[in-house]
Structures are given as C-alpha cells and as structure tokens.
Amino acid sequence: MYICNCNGVREKEIQKVIHNGVKTWKQILAHFDYVPCCGRCEDEINCMIEDHSSASKNISLEEITIR
C-alpha cells in the first residue's frame, strides 16, 4: 500500500527505514531523496514511527524482566 502518494513510497519501504533507526517523517522521505509535498502522509508515517517505538520499548522491557 502506498503511504506517500506524492512520492510513491510504500508502507513496507517505510517500515524498513524505521526499523533501521530513522525517526522523523522528513528524514524518512529524505532517505529516499524525496521532499515533503502535500503532507498527507505525515500523520500516518508518524503513527508508524510511534508504533515501532512502542513495540521496541515493550521488547526491551521483556528482555530486562526475563533476565
């Protein structure tokens, strides 16, 4: 599914970049050498970043608890 229609960036591509540590909407688009256009994708990308961050924190807490 396309997340950024202006630049043709797909959800899977964004997930990979987020997984590699990119933390902002503008940085994600810059990773692909794109610039923000209409801004419609900003909220969705920010939600993806937040979801990834929350999941990472949960994993870290589980690892600490298990040890």
C-alpha atoms as a PDB file:
ATOM      1  CA  MET A   1       0.000   0.000   0.000  1.00  0.00           C
ATOM      2  CA  TYR A   2       1.236   3.476  -0.805  1.00  0.00           C
ATOM      3  CA  ILE A   3       1.667   5.712   2.219  1.00  0.00           C
ATOM      4  CA  CYS A   4       3.072   8.715   0.358  1.00  0.00           C
ATOM      5  CA  ASN A   5       1.195   9.071  -2.898  1.00  0.00           C
ATOM      6  CA  CYS A   6       3.102  12.173  -3.998  1.00  0.00           C
ATOM      7  CA  ASN A   7       6.430  10.355  -3.922  1.00  0.00           C
ATOM      8  CA  GLY A   8       5.222   6.785  -4.404  1.00  0.00           C
ATOM      9  CA  VAL A   9       6.588   5.409  -1.125  1.00  0.00           C
ATOM     10  CA  ARG A  10       5.089   2.156   0.098  1.00  0.00           C
ATOM     11  CA  GLU A  11       4.395   1.001   3.636  1.00  0.00           C
ATOM     12  CA  LYS A  12       6.987  -1.808   3.518  1.00  0.00           C
ATOM     13  CA  GLU A  13       9.701   0.619   2.412  1.00  0.00           C
ATOM     14  CA  ILE A  14       8.880   2.973   5.265  1.00  0.00           C
ATOM     15  CA  GLN A  15       8.841   0.126   7.791  1.00  0.00           C
ATOM     16  CA  LYS A  16      12.345  -0.922   6.738  1.00  0.00           C
ATOM     17  CA  VAL A  17      13.675   2.607   7.145  1.00  0.00           C
ATOM     18  CA  ILE A  18      12.012   2.987  10.549  1.00  0.00           C
ATOM     19  CA  HIS A  19      13.468  -0.357  11.625  1.00  0.00           C
ATOM     20  CA  ASN A  20      16.909   0.961  10.654  1.00  0.00           C
ATOM     21  CA  GLY A  21      16.522   3.873  13.057  1.00  0.00           C
ATOM     22  CA  VAL A  22      15.158   6.801  11.080  1.00  0.00           C
ATOM     23  CA  LYS A  23      12.876   8.678  13.449  1.00  0.00           C
ATOM     24  CA  THR A  24      11.071  11.502  11.644  1.00  0.00           C
ATOM     25  CA  TRP A  25       8.737  11.899   8.702  1.00  0.00           C
ATOM     26  CA  LYS A  26      11.091  14.282   6.908  1.00  0.00           C
ATOM     27  CA  GLN A  27      14.099  12.008   7.489  1.00  0.00           C
ATOM     28  CA  ILE A  28      12.197   9.080   6.027  1.00  0.00           C
ATOM     29  CA  LEU A  29      11.347  10.979   2.869  1.00  0.00           C
ATOM     30  CA  ALA A  30      14.907  12.332   2.683  1.00  0.00           C
ATOM     31  CA  HIS A  31      16.180   8.751   2.886  1.00  0.00           C
ATOM     32  CA  PHE A  32      14.509   8.174  -0.477  1.00  0.00           C
ATOM     33  CA  ASP A  33      15.741  11.557  -1.786  1.00  0.00           C
ATOM     34  CA  TYR A  34      12.209  12.955  -1.693  1.00  0.00           C
ATOM     35  CA  VAL A  35      10.862  16.119  -0.139  1.00  0.00           C
ATOM     36  CA  PRO A  36       7.506  16.506   1.583  1.00  0.00           C
ATOM     37  CA  CYS A  37       4.846  17.680  -0.851  1.00  0.00           C
ATOM     38  CA  CYS A  38       1.247  17.828   0.337  1.00  0.00           C
ATOM     39  CA  GLY A  39       1.881  16.485   3.860  1.00  0.00           C
ATOM     40  CA  ARG A  40      -0.977  13.980   3.858  1.00  0.00           C
ATOM     41  CA  CYS A  41       1.382  11.131   4.720  1.00  0.00           C
ATOM     42  CA  GLU A  42       2.858  12.860   7.766  1.00  0.00           C
ATOM     43  CA  ASP A  43       0.318  11.591  10.302  1.00  0.00           C
ATOM     44  CA  GLU A  44       0.400   8.038   9.022  1.00  0.00           C
ATOM     45  CA  ILE A  45       4.196   7.897   8.969  1.00  0.00           C
ATOM     46  CA  ASN A  46       4.355   9.400  12.461  1.00  0.00           C
ATOM     47  CA  CYS A  47       1.941   6.705  13.671  1.00  0.00           C
ATOM     48  CA  MET A  48       4.171   4.046  12.116  1.00  0.00           C
ATOM     49  CA  ILE A  49       7.193   5.535  13.901  1.00  0.00           C
ATOM     50  CA  GLU A  50       5.310   5.633  17.201  1.00  0.00           C
ATOM     51  CA  ASP A  51       4.092   2.042  16.802  1.00  0.00           C
ATOM     52  CA  HIS A  52       7.627   0.861  16.117  1.00  0.00           C
ATOM     53  CA  SER A  53       8.956   2.805  19.083  1.00  0.00           C
ATOM     54  CA  SER A  54       6.308   1.334  21.391  1.00  0.00           C
ATOM     55  CA  ALA A  55       6.998  -2.188  20.170  1.00  0.00           C
ATOM     56  CA  SER A  56      10.737  -1.699  20.699  1.00  0.00           C
ATOM     57  CA  LYS A  57      10.177  -0.472  24.251  1.00  0.00           C
ATOM     58  CA  ASN A  58       7.974  -3.474  25.034  1.00  0.00           C
ATOM     59  CA  ILE A  59      10.628  -5.875  23.782  1.00  0.00           C
ATOM     60  CA  SER A  60      13.303  -4.144  25.849  1.00  0.00           C
ATOM     61  CA  LEU A  61      11.172  -4.331  28.995  1.00  0.00           C
ATOM     62  CA  GLU A  62      10.507  -8.027  28.414  1.00  0.00           C
ATOM     63  CA  GLU A  63      14.223  -8.711  27.979  1.00  0.00           C
ATOM     64  CA  ILE A  64      15.024  -6.898  31.220  1.00  0.00           C
ATOM     65  CA  THR A  65      12.282  -8.731  33.123  1.00  0.00           C
ATOM     66  CA  ILE A  66      13.400 -12.139  31.863  1.00  0.00           C
ATOM     67  CA  ARG A  67      17.000 -11.574  32.884  1.00  0.00           C
END
